[in-house]
Protein backbone atom coordinates (compact mmCIF):
# COMPACT_ATOMS: atom_id res chain seq x y z
CA MET A 1 -17.56 -1.34 -17.18
CA LYS A 2 -19.72 -1.43 -14.06
CA GLU A 3 -18.47 -2.26 -10.60
CA ARG A 4 -20.36 -3.32 -7.48
CA ARG A 5 -19.76 -1.78 -4.06
CA GLY A 6 -22.00 -3.50 -1.56
CA THR A 7 -25.53 -3.16 -2.88
CA LEU A 8 -24.60 -0.21 -5.13
CA THR A 9 -23.74 -0.70 -8.79
CA VAL A 10 -21.13 1.84 -9.87
CA PRO A 11 -21.18 2.61 -13.62
CA LEU A 12 -17.58 3.83 -13.83
CA PRO A 13 -14.53 1.68 -13.06
CA THR A 14 -11.73 2.53 -10.65
CA ARG A 15 -9.11 4.59 -12.46
CA ASN A 16 -5.51 4.85 -11.24
CA GLY A 17 -6.57 3.63 -7.83
CA VAL A 18 -9.47 6.07 -7.45
CA GLY A 19 -13.14 5.11 -7.75
CA PRO A 20 -15.70 7.58 -9.05
CA SER A 21 -17.44 10.06 -6.75
CA ARG A 22 -21.21 10.30 -6.66
CA THR A 23 -23.75 13.01 -5.91
CA CYS A 24 -27.52 13.45 -5.94
CA LEU A 25 -28.63 16.39 -8.05
CA PRO A 26 -30.59 18.97 -5.99
CA ALA A 27 -33.84 20.64 -6.98
CA GLY A 28 -33.45 24.00 -8.73
CA ASP A 29 -34.20 26.16 -11.77
CA TRP A 30 -31.20 25.05 -13.81
CA GLN A 31 -31.95 24.17 -17.42
CA THR A 32 -29.20 21.54 -17.72
CA ILE A 33 -27.28 19.16 -15.48
CA ALA A 34 -24.13 20.99 -16.51
CA GLN A 35 -25.49 24.30 -15.21
CA CYS A 36 -26.46 22.62 -11.93
CA LEU A 37 -23.01 21.08 -11.43
CA ILE A 38 -21.26 24.34 -12.25
CA GLU A 39 -23.36 26.58 -9.99
CA HIS A 40 -24.25 24.25 -7.12
CA PHE A 41 -20.84 22.61 -6.83
CA SER A 42 -18.87 25.79 -7.35
CA ASN A 43 -15.81 24.62 -5.40
CA THR A 44 -14.88 22.97 -8.71
CA ALA A 45 -14.16 25.35 -11.57
CA ALA A 46 -16.68 25.55 -14.41
CA SER A 47 -13.92 24.69 -16.86
CA GLU A 48 -13.20 21.47 -14.96
CA TRP A 49 -16.86 20.39 -15.00
CA MET A 50 -17.02 21.05 -18.73
CA ARG A 51 -13.76 19.10 -19.25
CA ARG A 52 -15.22 16.14 -17.34
CA ILE A 53 -18.43 16.28 -19.35
CA GLY A 54 -16.59 16.63 -22.66
CA ALA A 55 -14.40 13.63 -21.78
CA ALA A 56 -17.50 11.47 -21.01
CA GLU A 57 -16.42 11.28 -17.33
CA VAL A 58 -19.85 12.22 -15.95
CA VAL A 59 -22.58 9.55 -16.12
CA ASP A 60 -25.88 8.72 -14.46
CA GLY A 61 -26.66 5.61 -12.40
CA ALA A 62 -27.42 3.61 -15.54
CA GLY A 63 -24.07 4.52 -17.04
CA THR A 64 -25.55 6.95 -19.61
CA ILE A 65 -23.16 9.78 -20.44
CA VAL A 66 -24.22 13.25 -19.26
CA THR A 67 -23.86 15.72 -22.16
CA SER A 68 -23.56 19.49 -21.87
CA THR A 69 -27.17 19.89 -23.10
CA ARG A 70 -28.87 17.21 -21.06
CA ALA A 71 -31.83 18.58 -19.10
CA HIS A 72 -31.55 18.92 -15.33
CA GLU A 73 -33.03 15.97 -13.40
CA PRO A 74 -33.53 16.71 -9.68
CA GLY A 75 -32.81 13.61 -7.57
CA ALA A 76 -30.75 11.85 -10.25
CA ILE A 77 -27.55 10.11 -9.06
CA ILE A 78 -24.52 11.29 -10.97
CA PHE A 79 -21.05 9.66 -11.00
CA TYR A 80 -17.82 11.44 -11.98
CA TYR A 81 -14.08 11.30 -11.53
CA ARG A 82 -12.73 13.76 -9.02
CA THR A 83 -9.35 15.36 -9.69
CA ILE A 84 -7.14 17.64 -7.64
CA GLU A 85 -4.67 20.06 -9.21
CA ASP A 86 -1.30 20.53 -7.49
CA GLU A 87 -2.02 17.80 -4.90
CA PRO A 88 0.69 17.95 -2.22
CA ARG A 89 3.11 15.01 -2.14
CA ILE A 90 3.40 13.16 1.17
CA PRO A 91 7.11 12.24 1.22
CA PHE A 92 6.78 9.14 3.40
CA GLU A 93 5.99 5.55 2.39
CA GLU A 94 3.61 2.94 3.77
CA THR A 95 4.57 -0.69 4.44
CA VAL A 96 2.42 -3.78 3.90
CA LEU A 97 2.89 -6.02 6.93
CA PHE A 98 0.43 -8.78 6.05
CA GLN A 99 -1.65 -9.87 3.07
CA ASP A 100 -3.91 -12.83 2.40
CA GLU A 101 -7.06 -13.30 0.35
CA HIS A 102 -9.20 -11.59 2.96
CA ILE A 103 -7.27 -8.75 4.61
CA ILE A 104 -4.27 -6.49 4.20
CA VAL A 105 -2.54 -4.84 7.15
CA ALA A 106 -0.63 -1.67 6.32
CA ASP A 107 1.78 0.36 8.46
CA LYS A 108 0.95 4.00 7.67
CA PRO A 109 3.38 6.93 8.00
CA HIS A 110 2.46 10.17 9.70
CA PHE A 111 0.57 12.75 7.56
CA LEU A 112 -0.81 10.27 5.03
CA PRO A 113 -4.66 10.25 5.08
CA VAL A 114 -6.33 6.85 4.99
CA ILE A 115 -9.03 7.75 2.42
CA PRO A 116 -9.46 10.55 -0.14
CA GLY A 117 -10.82 13.86 1.08
CA GLY A 118 -10.12 17.58 1.02
CA ARG A 119 -6.74 18.28 -0.62
CA PHE A 120 -5.74 14.64 -0.93
CA LEU A 121 -6.79 12.01 -3.48
CA GLN A 122 -3.81 10.11 -4.87
CA GLU A 123 -1.76 10.84 -1.74
CA THR A 124 -3.87 8.59 0.52
CA LEU A 125 -3.19 5.15 1.93
CA LEU A 126 -6.18 3.58 0.19
CA VAL A 127 -5.33 4.85 -3.29
CA ARG A 128 -1.63 4.10 -2.91
CA LEU A 129 -2.40 0.49 -1.96
CA LYS A 130 -4.91 0.04 -4.80
CA ARG A 131 -2.29 1.19 -7.30
CA ARG A 132 0.54 -0.75 -5.71
CA LEU A 133 -1.29 -4.06 -5.24
CA GLY A 134 -3.74 -3.83 -8.14
CA ILE A 135 -6.71 -4.56 -5.85
CA ASP A 136 -9.55 -2.15 -6.65
CA SER A 137 -11.90 -3.78 -4.09
CA LEU A 138 -9.85 -2.65 -1.06
CA VAL A 139 -11.85 -1.00 1.72
CA PRO A 140 -10.50 0.12 5.15
CA ILE A 141 -12.24 -1.75 7.96
CA HIS A 142 -11.37 1.07 10.38
CA ARG A 143 -9.52 4.37 10.21
CA ILE A 144 -6.94 6.41 12.05
CA ASP A 145 -6.27 10.13 11.70
CA GLY A 146 -4.01 11.24 8.88
CA ALA A 147 -1.74 12.79 11.52
CA THR A 148 -1.39 9.45 13.31
CA ALA A 149 1.04 6.76 12.16
CA GLY A 150 0.62 3.01 12.47
CA LEU A 151 -1.64 0.06 11.67
CA VAL A 152 -4.69 0.06 9.41
CA VAL A 153 -6.58 -3.09 8.37
CA PHE A 154 -8.18 -3.37 4.91
CA SER A 155 -10.77 -5.80 3.58
CA VAL A 156 -10.00 -7.39 0.22
CA GLN A 157 -13.24 -9.20 -0.61
CA GLU A 158 -16.80 -7.93 -0.44
CA ARG A 159 -18.15 -11.37 0.54
CA THR A 160 -16.08 -11.56 3.75
CA ARG A 161 -16.00 -7.82 4.57
CA GLY A 162 -18.96 -7.84 6.91
CA ALA A 163 -17.38 -10.40 9.20
CA TYR A 164 -14.30 -8.19 9.75
CA GLN A 165 -16.38 -5.02 10.13
CA ALA A 166 -18.39 -6.81 12.82
CA LEU A 167 -15.22 -7.25 14.90
CA PHE A 168 -14.82 -3.51 15.25
CA ARG A 169 -18.54 -2.87 15.64
CA GLU A 170 -18.76 -5.42 18.45
CA ARG A 171 -15.50 -4.23 20.08
CA ALA A 172 -13.83 -7.61 19.61
CA VAL A 173 -10.54 -6.00 18.54
CA GLU A 174 -7.66 -5.29 20.94
CA LYS A 175 -6.06 -1.95 20.04
CA HIS A 176 -3.00 -0.28 21.58
CA TYR A 177 -1.54 3.13 20.77
CA GLU A 178 1.66 4.76 21.96
CA ALA A 179 1.97 8.49 22.61
CA ILE A 180 4.54 10.95 23.81
CA ALA A 181 2.86 13.65 25.87
CA LEU A 182 3.39 15.94 28.83
CA HIS A 183 3.92 14.18 32.13
CA ASN A 184 1.37 14.84 34.88
CA ASP A 185 2.32 13.71 38.38
CA ALA A 186 -1.28 14.13 39.52
CA LEU A 187 -2.51 11.21 37.40
CA ARG A 188 -2.64 7.82 39.06
CA LEU A 189 -1.77 5.39 36.31
CA PRO A 190 -2.80 2.97 34.99
CA MET A 191 -6.37 4.26 34.84
CA VAL A 192 -9.55 3.83 32.82
CA TYR A 193 -10.79 7.20 31.59
CA GLU A 194 -14.34 7.66 30.32
CA SER A 195 -15.86 10.83 28.90
CA ARG A 196 -18.43 12.07 26.39
CA VAL A 197 -16.80 13.25 23.16
CA VAL A 198 -18.89 15.22 20.65
CA GLN A 199 -18.35 17.42 17.62
CA ASP A 200 -16.96 20.84 18.50
CA GLU A 201 -18.28 24.13 17.06
CA HIS A 202 -15.17 24.10 14.84
CA PHE A 203 -15.64 21.40 12.21
CA MET A 204 -12.05 20.15 12.59
CA ARG A 205 -12.26 19.46 16.32
CA MET A 206 -14.05 17.36 18.90
CA ARG A 207 -14.64 18.21 22.58
CA GLU A 208 -15.69 16.73 25.86
CA VAL A 209 -19.09 17.57 27.38
CA ALA A 210 -21.06 16.47 30.41
CA GLY A 211 -23.27 13.43 29.94
CA GLU A 212 -23.18 9.71 29.50
CA PRO A 213 -19.68 8.58 28.46
CA ASN A 214 -19.24 7.36 24.90
CA ALA A 215 -15.46 7.16 24.87
CA ARG A 216 -13.36 4.80 27.03
CA THR A 217 -9.57 4.47 27.14
CA THR A 218 -7.16 2.66 29.42
CA ILE A 219 -4.09 4.80 29.98
CA ALA A 220 -0.77 3.45 31.30
CA LEU A 221 2.66 4.98 31.81
CA ILE A 222 5.42 3.28 29.81
CA GLU A 223 8.29 5.52 30.91
CA LYS A 224 9.20 9.02 31.90
CA LEU A 225 11.51 10.70 29.39
CA GLU A 226 14.48 12.96 29.76
CA SER A 227 13.61 16.63 30.00
CA ALA A 228 13.31 18.47 26.71
CA PRO A 229 15.09 21.79 26.09
CA SER A 230 11.93 23.54 27.26
CA ARG A 231 12.49 21.90 30.70
CA ARG A 232 9.00 20.47 30.63
CA GLU A 233 8.66 16.81 31.60
CA PHE A 234 7.37 14.30 29.09
CA ALA A 235 6.42 10.66 29.19
CA ARG A 236 5.64 7.76 26.91
CA TYR A 237 2.13 6.37 27.37
CA LEU A 238 0.24 3.26 26.30
CA LEU A 239 -3.31 4.14 25.25
CA SER A 240 -5.81 1.30 24.79
CA PRO A 241 -9.22 2.49 23.55
CA THR A 242 -12.26 0.25 23.64
CA THR A 243 -14.35 2.75 21.67
CA GLY A 244 -13.52 4.59 18.45
CA ARG A 245 -14.70 8.16 18.63
CA LYS A 246 -13.11 10.65 16.24
CA HIS A 247 -9.96 12.16 17.84
CA GLN A 248 -10.76 10.25 21.03
CA LEU A 249 -7.21 9.79 22.30
CA ARG A 250 -6.14 13.34 21.45
CA VAL A 251 -9.17 14.92 23.14
CA GLN A 252 -8.94 12.78 26.26
CA CYS A 253 -5.18 13.26 26.70
CA ALA A 254 -5.59 17.02 26.41
CA ALA A 255 -8.44 16.97 28.95
CA LEU A 256 -6.22 15.09 31.43
CA GLY A 257 -3.46 17.67 31.15
CA ILE A 258 -1.19 15.45 29.05
CA PRO A 259 -1.63 16.84 25.51
CA ILE A 260 0.16 14.78 22.87
CA VAL A 261 3.35 16.34 21.54
CA ASN A 262 2.88 18.30 18.28
CA ASP A 263 -0.92 18.07 18.33
CA PRO A 264 -2.10 21.03 16.19
CA PHE A 265 -5.72 20.74 17.36
CA TYR A 266 -5.66 20.05 21.10
CA PRO A 267 -5.80 21.67 23.54
CA VAL A 268 -5.70 24.71 21.24
CA LEU A 269 -6.28 24.84 17.47
CA ARG A 270 -3.24 26.43 15.90
CA ALA A 271 -4.55 29.24 13.72
CA ARG A 272 -1.92 28.84 11.00
CA HIS A 273 -1.84 25.06 10.96
CA GLN A 274 -2.00 23.55 7.48
CA ILE A 275 -2.48 19.80 7.29
CA GLY A 276 0.32 18.30 5.19
CA GLY A 277 2.29 21.56 5.09
CA VAL A 278 6.07 21.47 4.84
CA ASP A 279 6.47 22.79 8.37
CA ASP A 280 4.38 19.91 9.74
CA PHE A 281 6.63 17.26 8.25
CA ALA A 282 9.38 18.19 10.73
CA HIS A 283 7.02 17.89 13.71
CA PRO A 284 4.78 14.84 13.43
CA LEU A 285 2.07 14.19 15.98
CA GLN A 286 3.58 11.82 18.50
CA LEU A 287 0.80 9.24 18.32
CA LEU A 288 1.24 5.73 16.91
CA ALA A 289 -1.26 2.92 16.32
CA ARG A 290 1.15 0.34 17.74
CA GLU A 291 -0.63 -2.98 17.95
CA ILE A 292 -3.87 -4.63 16.89
CA ALA A 293 -5.15 -8.14 17.68
CA PHE A 294 -8.29 -10.17 16.97
CA ARG A 295 -9.52 -13.66 16.20
CA ASP A 296 -9.85 -13.91 12.43
CA PRO A 297 -13.57 -14.59 11.78
CA ILE A 298 -12.81 -16.45 8.53
CA THR A 299 -9.65 -18.49 9.27
CA LEU A 300 -10.30 -18.59 13.06
CA LYS A 301 -6.61 -17.84 13.62
CA GLU A 302 -5.45 -15.50 16.37
CA ARG A 303 -4.05 -12.42 14.64
CA ARG A 304 -1.65 -9.93 16.25
CA PHE A 305 0.12 -7.21 14.31
CA LYS A 306 2.73 -4.72 15.51
CA THR A 307 3.98 -1.56 13.83
CA LEU A 308 7.57 -1.30 12.66
CA ARG A 309 7.52 2.45 13.34
CA THR A 310 8.75 4.25 16.42
CA LEU A 311 8.10 7.64 17.97
CA VAL A 312 11.00 10.06 18.37
CA SER A 313 12.06 11.31 21.77
CA ALA A 314 10.31 14.32 23.25
CA SER A 315 13.46 16.43 22.81
CA ALA A 316 13.62 15.69 19.09
CA ALA A 317 9.87 16.13 18.65
CA LEU A 318 9.73 19.72 19.86
């Protein structure tokens, strides 16, 4: 069975909530496609590639099964099912806050990635929702970090997806986050903070550099909190970004001297941090996608959604 994703025809169906992965075969001296996959994509064991091929789980763009003896074809598009052995379980559950024929709004727990990647495939918000709701066409219209909890909007139908994506592209969406972070008396709040955020030398991080701003956030103080056992002062902040750079709020808060509680990346990358590790579960990043609002481009209704989740106090978070 073939599926369509935008203008791309996918020759393998979604299976257990997960669609097939795709890759373009590189040029090389391999005699067979199997040899290419085994040697070029060596992060996956040779035995696993051969299992996929033997199970007819590797096909080309026309849906033709790739056999173990099929000659190598540089530039060919290959589809296959990705699997992860011993995938960690994220022991927190998502909530569906709203569903109609066009969109789904989910309330995501901390630690759960939005889409598959790295060590996580089944344990992602997208795959969980596909399995739970039986809607293989789901696509997130925007994303938040796996470490962040809160609201994520999904598109249900391909024919209306572009209208919702345009809302985010054209910055027609009102977004509010809540964070618990260090208190800084020197900041005059509320304030609009602009900076230029780019990829850091370390692939997991972003950083600020001089130049034309590409990240803009309004920052307001909600309340000062009781002192934690460390005697440092903390506060609860309202963060309202009008841009959507990767790690924008975390980078900017750290730059202003108010790093978010339990952030393993900013201002310093913790050397032994393991995303999704057991130790992390006791200390979630204190950042929450709290509220999102927009005018529905299809129904023309004013939509406003609020998370049901709350952040813990600074004392409990440390």
